Amino acid sequence: MIELNTTYIHYKNKESYTTLNFCKIQENNSWIKAVIYKPNNCEELFVRSYKEFEEKFSKIKN
């Protein structure tokens, strides 16, 4: 389960990102759950499907 306002690491580039909110995006004429997130080194926002986010990011363990 993805948690909001939590830092995650991308599996490939090892950069850290913070989850901000959930939303819906359209994929193949269907609305699917998605995650809004931002890199910790800038203010740009990104959106990725919930499933893809789960596959490519891992939560930083404290």
C-alpha atoms as a PDB file:
ATOM      1  CA  MET A   1       0.000   0.000   0.000  1.00  0.00           C
ATOM      2  CA  ILE A   2       1.357   3.415  -0.972  1.00  0.00           C
ATOM      3  CA  GLU A   3       1.410   6.022   1.779  1.00  0.00           C
ATOM      4  CA  LEU A   4       1.036   9.758   1.179  1.00  0.00           C
ATOM      5  CA  ASN A   5       3.679  12.275   2.303  1.00  0.00           C
ATOM      6  CA  THR A   6       6.220   9.471   2.368  1.00  0.00           C
ATOM      7  CA  THR A   7       9.593   9.255   0.649  1.00  0.00           C
ATOM      8  CA  TYR A   8      10.177   6.538  -1.935  1.00  0.00           C
ATOM      9  CA  ILE A   9      13.255   5.614  -3.984  1.00  0.00           C
ATOM     10  CA  HIS A  10      13.091   4.894  -7.715  1.00  0.00           C
ATOM     11  CA  TYR A  11      14.517   1.449  -8.489  1.00  0.00           C
ATOM     12  CA  LYS A  12      16.672   2.590 -11.413  1.00  0.00           C
ATOM     13  CA  ASN A  13      17.889   6.144 -10.804  1.00  0.00           C
ATOM     14  CA  LYS A  14      17.966   5.833  -6.974  1.00  0.00           C
ATOM     15  CA  GLU A  15      16.496   9.340  -6.640  1.00  0.00           C
ATOM     16  CA  SER A  16      14.055  10.088  -3.834  1.00  0.00           C
ATOM     17  CA  TYR A  17      10.457  11.226  -4.373  1.00  0.00           C
ATOM     18  CA  THR A  18       7.610  12.191  -2.070  1.00  0.00           C
ATOM     19  CA  THR A  19       4.039  11.066  -2.648  1.00  0.00           C
ATOM     20  CA  LEU A  20       1.539  13.921  -2.484  1.00  0.00           C
ATOM     21  CA  ASN A  21      -1.906  12.644  -3.401  1.00  0.00           C
ATOM     22  CA  PHE A  22      -3.954  10.115  -5.336  1.00  0.00           C
ATOM     23  CA  CYS A  23      -5.909  10.824  -8.510  1.00  0.00           C
ATOM     24  CA  LYS A  24      -7.294   9.072 -11.584  1.00  0.00           C
ATOM     25  CA  ILE A  25      -5.769   8.895 -15.038  1.00  0.00           C
ATOM     26  CA  GLN A  26      -7.234   7.521 -18.220  1.00  0.00           C
ATOM     27  CA  GLU A  27      -5.588   4.451 -19.679  1.00  0.00           C
ATOM     28  CA  ASN A  28      -7.109   2.516 -22.589  1.00  0.00           C
ATOM     29  CA  ASN A  29     -10.501   4.229 -22.147  1.00  0.00           C
ATOM     30  CA  SER A  30     -10.651   3.304 -18.447  1.00  0.00           C
ATOM     31  CA  TRP A  31     -10.033   5.471 -15.407  1.00  0.00           C
ATOM     32  CA  ILE A  32      -7.424   3.959 -13.099  1.00  0.00           C
ATOM     33  CA  LYS A  33      -5.983   4.965  -9.741  1.00  0.00           C
ATOM     34  CA  ALA A  34      -2.783   6.989  -9.915  1.00  0.00           C
ATOM     35  CA  VAL A  35      -0.237   8.665  -7.653  1.00  0.00           C
ATOM     36  CA  ILE A  36       0.891  12.293  -7.748  1.00  0.00           C
ATOM     37  CA  TYR A  37       4.484  12.656  -6.587  1.00  0.00           C
ATOM     38  CA  LYS A  38       7.439  15.026  -6.778  1.00  0.00           C
ATOM     39  CA  PRO A  39      11.207  14.699  -6.774  1.00  0.00           C
ATOM     40  CA  ASN A  40      12.762  15.800  -3.498  1.00  0.00           C
ATOM     41  CA  ASN A  41      15.216  18.036  -5.377  1.00  0.00           C
ATOM     42  CA  CYS A  42      12.651  20.251  -7.187  1.00  0.00           C
ATOM     43  CA  GLU A  43       8.996  21.297  -7.289  1.00  0.00           C
ATOM     44  CA  GLU A  44       7.904  19.528 -10.492  1.00  0.00           C
ATOM     45  CA  LEU A  45       4.914  17.204 -10.169  1.00  0.00           C
ATOM     46  CA  PHE A  46       4.552  13.816 -11.808  1.00  0.00           C
ATOM     47  CA  VAL A  47       1.731  11.293 -12.123  1.00  0.00           C
ATOM     48  CA  ARG A  48       2.074   7.554 -12.532  1.00  0.00           C
ATOM     49  CA  SER A  49      -0.423   4.725 -12.303  1.00  0.00           C
ATOM     50  CA  TYR A  50      -0.704   3.218  -8.837  1.00  0.00           C
ATOM     51  CA  LYS A  51       0.366  -0.189 -10.160  1.00  0.00           C
ATOM     52  CA  GLU A  52       3.426   1.180 -11.951  1.00  0.00           C
ATOM     53  CA  PHE A  53       4.411   3.245  -8.922  1.00  0.00           C
ATOM     54  CA  GLU A  54       4.281   0.115  -6.748  1.00  0.00           C
ATOM     55  CA  GLU A  55       6.481  -1.734  -9.251  1.00  0.00           C
ATOM     56  CA  LYS A  56       9.157   0.957  -9.661  1.00  0.00           C
ATOM     57  CA  PHE A  57       9.423   2.626  -6.252  1.00  0.00           C
ATOM     58  CA  SER A  58      10.233   1.344  -2.807  1.00  0.00           C
ATOM     59  CA  LYS A  59       9.572   3.055   0.492  1.00  0.00           C
ATOM     60  CA  ILE A  60      12.596   4.313   2.395  1.00  0.00           C
ATOM     61  CA  LYS A  61      12.987   2.254   5.516  1.00  0.00           C
ATOM     62  CA  ASN A  62      13.559   4.241   8.695  1.00  0.00           C
END
